[in-house]
Each structure stands twice: as C-alpha cells, then as structure tokens.
C-alpha cells in the first residue's frame, strides 16, 4: 500500500502513511522509507537517460546462448562485489556534528532539531550529508537551477492516479518538460526531449546532472514527507 501511494499520490504523503510499516518493523520503517526513495531515484535515472536494463543489446537477446552468457557474466560480476551491510559506528550526535557544516553551507542556517526524526537511525543522517555534498560540490548545475528543479518537481508531483497516469499537457520549455515528464511518468522520456535539451545548450554532462537533480528531488519529496523532516533540508534556497 505504501509503495502504491508513493507512486499514485506522493504529494499527499504524511508520516501517517508510514505508521503501518512502523507497526510491523519498528524503527526499521525509517530505513524502508529510504529504500523506497532510492528506487524512485534509480528508476528515474534509468528512464530519463534511457539506460538499458539488459546486459546485452536488444538485437542479441533473441539468441538463447547469448542470453545465458549475459546472465552468467552478470552473476559473476555481482558475486565479486562485497554487498555486506556496513556497520554504522557513529552516534546520532556524532552524525549530526558531521552534517552541521555541510548543512550550513547548503542552507545558510544551523540544522537545529531538524534531524531529530532520524535519531533511531543515525546512518540516515550520513546519507543526507552525502546527498548535500553531491549536489553542492560536484553538480554542474547552479544552486538556482537546482532550486528550480525542486520547485517544479513539487508542482508536478501526482496528487492522484489520474495525474500519475494518462496524458497531460507538457510545458513548452525543454527543461520544464524534462522535469514534468521525469516526475509524472519518466518512462515516457523520448530521445527528442534529450535533443531539445541539447539544442537549449545542455551538453551531455549537464543533462546527466539535470537527470540526477530530478531523480534526487523526487526521492526527497517522498522521504521528507514520510519521515516528517523539514522540506528545506535538501531543497536549495
């Protein structure tokens, strides 16, 4: 139910929507919220940039031997990775101290008690810190551009199934159209929309960072509502 609501009507999410999960899993519900947000992020990156979900190019998938080889190589790659959960050693207070200077640079104010809802899972504070560092220190988009993305994502967030599906007028501006489709139904992004961004002066790296900003804003729009965090923690001023 929570996953469906995050898709159909994320604009109306509140902490009440997380209560059934919390009743079953306790404070682990905080981590599940981040997992849901991460899928909204990853899937949007894949859809917006047309990342192929298959190991092999589509024309080669009709050959059973090659399909099996692709599965074999993919499994070998995953087997070589260390997927063990990392033990988080920091306390909530320590994680907040590390977050404070990053938060101050990003928002111009101290975090105060904004992070208190995460006390039971201080590793989530670290996740937010890394998100701020990624946006403010490595993105090619200016803070004003990131703020525009977040504002337009908030406007486009579905308030019901009729807005999460169906067809709706797209903005004429290529950046606004990319944000709108990337929020409502990212799988409908077309090569023509990417070409329109290029024609508007966006090179490949800026298109990549724009897709990241859209995905990040969609992730955060759901996470902050479910966890009861102030919206401006990760929303550029």
Protein backbone atom coordinates (compact mmCIF):
# COMPACT_ATOMS: atom_id res chain seq x y z
CA UNK A 1 0.00 0.00 0.00
CA UNK A 2 2.79 2.44 0.88
CA UNK A 3 4.65 1.71 -2.37
CA UNK A 4 1.45 2.23 -4.36
CA UNK A 5 0.71 5.52 -2.58
CA UNK A 6 4.26 6.75 -3.22
CA UNK A 7 3.56 6.21 -6.92
CA UNK A 8 -0.07 7.32 -7.21
CA UNK A 9 -0.27 10.32 -4.87
CA UNK A 10 3.12 11.29 -3.41
CA UNK A 11 2.06 14.92 -2.99
CA UNK A 12 -0.28 13.88 -0.18
CA UNK A 13 2.12 11.64 1.75
CA UNK A 14 2.50 12.22 5.52
CA UNK A 15 4.06 10.41 8.46
CA UNK A 16 0.69 8.68 8.96
CA UNK A 17 1.35 6.67 5.78
CA UNK A 18 4.45 5.18 7.41
CA UNK A 19 2.65 4.06 10.58
CA UNK A 20 1.50 0.63 9.27
CA UNK A 21 5.11 -0.18 8.32
CA UNK A 22 6.36 1.10 11.67
CA UNK A 23 3.80 -1.08 13.46
CA UNK A 24 5.33 -4.16 11.81
CA UNK A 25 9.03 -3.29 11.67
CA UNK A 26 9.55 -0.60 14.31
CA UNK A 27 12.35 1.87 13.61
CA UNK A 28 13.37 -0.13 10.54
CA UNK A 29 10.50 1.72 8.86
CA UNK A 30 12.89 4.69 8.60
CA UNK A 31 15.28 2.61 6.52
CA UNK A 32 12.47 1.25 4.36
CA UNK A 33 11.49 4.83 3.57
CA UNK A 34 14.96 5.46 2.25
CA UNK A 35 14.84 2.26 0.19
CA UNK A 36 11.57 3.36 -1.42
CA UNK A 37 13.07 6.77 -2.14
CA UNK A 38 16.18 5.15 -3.63
CA UNK A 39 14.09 3.16 -6.10
CA UNK A 40 12.33 6.34 -7.20
CA UNK A 41 15.78 7.83 -7.73
CA UNK A 42 17.42 4.91 -9.55
CA UNK A 43 14.46 4.16 -11.81
CA UNK A 44 14.25 7.79 -12.88
CA UNK A 45 17.92 7.93 -13.76
CA UNK A 46 17.49 4.80 -15.89
CA UNK A 47 14.32 6.09 -17.58
CA UNK A 48 15.45 9.68 -18.12
CA UNK A 49 18.77 8.65 -19.65
CA UNK A 50 17.46 5.51 -21.41
CA UNK A 51 19.79 3.15 -19.55
CA UNK A 52 19.23 -0.35 -20.92
CA UNK A 53 18.16 -2.78 -18.20
CA UNK A 54 19.66 -5.71 -20.09
CA UNK A 55 23.30 -6.77 -20.04
CA UNK A 56 23.21 -7.39 -23.82
CA UNK A 57 21.93 -5.14 -26.62
CA UNK A 58 18.31 -5.91 -27.53
CA UNK A 59 19.06 -7.37 -31.02
CA UNK A 60 21.23 -10.07 -29.38
CA UNK A 61 18.64 -11.13 -26.81
CA UNK A 62 16.88 -13.39 -29.32
CA UNK A 63 19.82 -15.84 -29.14
CA UNK A 64 19.34 -18.17 -26.11
CA UNK A 65 23.04 -18.91 -25.79
CA UNK A 66 23.92 -15.23 -25.62
CA UNK A 67 21.14 -14.58 -23.09
CA UNK A 68 22.53 -17.32 -20.86
CA UNK A 69 26.04 -15.91 -21.27
CA UNK A 70 24.78 -12.48 -20.25
CA UNK A 71 23.13 -13.88 -17.10
CA UNK A 72 26.31 -15.82 -16.27
CA UNK A 73 28.56 -12.77 -16.66
CA UNK A 74 26.16 -10.57 -14.70
CA UNK A 75 26.04 -13.06 -11.84
CA UNK A 76 29.85 -13.29 -11.81
CA UNK A 77 30.05 -9.51 -11.56
CA UNK A 78 27.62 -9.38 -8.65
CA UNK A 79 29.40 -12.28 -6.90
CA UNK A 80 32.63 -10.26 -6.94
CA UNK A 81 31.03 -7.36 -5.05
CA UNK A 82 31.01 -7.01 -1.29
CA UNK A 83 27.31 -6.44 -0.58
CA UNK A 84 27.58 -6.92 3.18
CA UNK A 85 25.77 -4.26 5.20
CA UNK A 86 28.28 -1.84 6.68
CA UNK A 87 28.14 -1.47 10.45
CA UNK A 88 27.49 2.17 11.28
CA UNK A 89 29.57 3.21 14.27
CA UNK A 90 28.64 6.88 14.72
CA UNK A 91 26.08 8.03 17.26
CA UNK A 92 23.24 10.33 16.26
CA UNK A 93 25.04 13.27 17.85
CA UNK A 94 28.27 12.49 16.00
CA UNK A 95 26.47 12.15 12.66
CA UNK A 96 24.74 15.49 13.25
CA UNK A 97 28.06 17.20 14.04
CA UNK A 98 29.47 15.99 10.73
CA UNK A 99 26.33 17.13 8.98
CA UNK A 100 26.31 20.62 10.52
CA UNK A 101 28.93 22.39 8.32
CA UNK A 102 27.56 20.80 5.15
CA UNK A 103 24.04 21.81 6.14
CA UNK A 104 25.18 25.35 6.93
CA UNK A 105 26.88 25.77 3.54
CA UNK A 106 23.84 24.43 1.73
CA UNK A 107 21.05 26.22 3.57
CA UNK A 108 22.69 29.13 5.36
CA UNK A 109 21.45 28.02 8.78
CA UNK A 110 22.21 25.52 11.53
CA UNK A 111 20.23 22.25 11.45
CA UNK A 112 18.85 22.75 15.00
CA UNK A 113 16.41 19.89 15.75
CA UNK A 114 15.51 19.25 12.11
CA UNK A 115 17.11 15.80 12.10
CA UNK A 116 15.52 14.55 15.33
CA UNK A 117 13.10 12.18 13.49
CA UNK A 118 16.21 10.21 12.40
CA UNK A 119 17.62 9.66 15.90
CA UNK A 120 16.85 5.94 15.82
CA UNK A 121 18.74 5.53 12.53
CA UNK A 122 21.73 7.95 12.57
CA UNK A 123 23.09 6.38 9.37
CA UNK A 124 20.30 8.20 7.53
CA UNK A 125 21.88 11.49 8.62
CA UNK A 126 25.03 10.41 6.81
CA UNK A 127 23.00 9.60 3.69
CA UNK A 128 21.53 13.12 3.72
CA UNK A 129 25.00 14.59 4.21
CA UNK A 130 26.33 12.76 1.17
CA UNK A 131 23.33 13.96 -0.86
CA UNK A 132 24.07 17.57 0.05
CA UNK A 133 27.76 17.17 -0.74
CA UNK A 134 26.97 15.58 -4.11
CA UNK A 135 24.62 18.41 -5.08
CA UNK A 136 26.62 21.37 -3.80
CA UNK A 137 30.18 20.23 -4.53
CA UNK A 138 30.02 18.09 -7.67
CA UNK A 139 26.97 19.09 -9.71
CA UNK A 140 27.43 21.29 -12.79
CA UNK A 141 24.03 22.86 -12.09
CA UNK A 142 23.97 26.09 -10.14
CA UNK A 143 22.10 26.34 -6.85
CA UNK A 144 19.44 28.40 -8.64
CA UNK A 145 18.99 25.68 -11.26
CA UNK A 146 18.70 23.01 -8.55
CA UNK A 147 16.14 25.14 -6.70
CA UNK A 148 14.14 25.43 -9.92
CA UNK A 149 14.19 21.65 -10.35
CA UNK A 150 12.95 21.06 -6.79
CA UNK A 151 10.20 23.67 -7.15
CA UNK A 152 8.95 22.24 -10.46
CA UNK A 153 9.07 18.68 -9.14
CA UNK A 154 6.87 19.77 -6.24
CA UNK A 155 4.41 21.31 -8.70
CA UNK A 156 4.34 18.19 -10.89
CA UNK A 157 4.06 15.59 -8.08
CA UNK A 158 0.94 13.47 -8.69
CA UNK A 159 -1.94 14.09 -6.31
CA UNK A 160 -3.89 11.08 -7.55
CA UNK A 161 -3.80 8.20 -10.01
CA UNK A 162 -5.20 10.42 -12.78
CA UNK A 163 -2.05 12.56 -12.57
CA UNK A 164 0.34 9.61 -12.28
CA UNK A 165 -1.05 8.07 -15.48
CA UNK A 166 -2.84 9.31 -18.57
CA UNK A 167 -1.74 12.22 -20.73
CA UNK A 168 -1.33 15.83 -19.72
CA UNK A 169 -0.09 18.99 -21.50
CA UNK A 170 3.67 19.31 -21.24
CA UNK A 171 5.43 22.62 -20.70
CA UNK A 172 6.92 24.16 -23.84
CA UNK A 173 10.28 24.86 -22.20
CA UNK A 174 12.50 21.78 -22.79
CA UNK A 175 13.92 21.79 -19.24
CA UNK A 176 10.48 22.15 -17.67
CA UNK A 177 9.13 19.39 -19.93
CA UNK A 178 12.00 17.10 -18.89
CA UNK A 179 11.24 17.79 -15.21
CA UNK A 180 7.48 17.34 -15.66
CA UNK A 181 7.72 14.02 -17.51
CA UNK A 182 10.54 12.85 -15.23
CA UNK A 183 8.27 13.39 -12.24
CA UNK A 184 4.92 12.14 -13.58
CA UNK A 185 6.00 9.23 -15.82
CA UNK A 186 9.76 9.12 -16.52
CA UNK A 187 9.50 6.03 -18.75
CA UNK A 188 7.89 8.29 -21.38
CA UNK A 189 11.03 10.37 -21.81
CA UNK A 190 11.94 10.39 -25.50
CA UNK A 191 15.18 10.95 -27.44
CA UNK A 192 13.51 14.06 -28.88
CA UNK A 193 13.29 15.53 -25.38
CA UNK A 194 17.01 14.89 -24.86
CA UNK A 195 17.72 16.50 -28.24
CA UNK A 196 15.68 19.55 -27.20
CA UNK A 197 17.85 19.92 -24.09
CA UNK A 198 20.97 19.73 -26.25
CA UNK A 199 19.55 22.40 -28.55
CA UNK A 200 18.93 24.58 -25.48
CA UNK A 201 22.66 24.41 -24.64
CA UNK A 202 22.87 21.41 -22.33
CA UNK A 203 25.85 19.16 -23.04
CA UNK A 204 25.91 15.51 -22.00
CA UNK A 205 27.29 16.14 -18.52
CA UNK A 206 24.74 18.86 -17.74
CA UNK A 207 21.93 16.61 -18.99
CA UNK A 208 23.28 13.91 -16.67
CA UNK A 209 23.31 16.31 -13.72
CA UNK A 210 19.83 17.55 -14.62
CA UNK A 211 18.54 13.95 -14.58
CA UNK A 212 20.27 13.43 -11.24
CA UNK A 213 18.64 16.59 -9.81
CA UNK A 214 15.18 15.47 -10.98
CA UNK A 215 15.66 11.99 -9.54
CA UNK A 216 17.03 13.37 -6.28
CA UNK A 217 14.16 15.85 -5.91
CA UNK A 218 11.60 13.08 -6.47
CA UNK A 219 13.33 10.87 -3.93
CA UNK A 220 13.46 13.65 -1.38
CA UNK A 221 9.83 14.70 -1.99
CA UNK A 222 8.71 11.30 -0.73
CA UNK A 223 11.28 10.81 2.03
CA UNK A 224 10.80 14.13 3.81
CA UNK A 225 7.01 13.73 3.85
CA UNK A 226 7.11 10.21 5.26
CA UNK A 227 9.76 10.97 7.89
CA UNK A 228 8.39 14.36 8.95
CA UNK A 229 11.58 16.20 8.02
CA UNK A 230 11.54 19.88 7.02
CA UNK A 231 11.42 20.16 3.26
CA UNK A 232 14.25 22.70 3.10
CA UNK A 233 16.91 20.31 4.47
CA UNK A 234 17.71 19.17 0.92
CA UNK A 235 15.80 21.81 -1.04
CA UNK A 236 18.11 24.56 -2.32
CA UNK A 237 17.10 28.05 -1.27
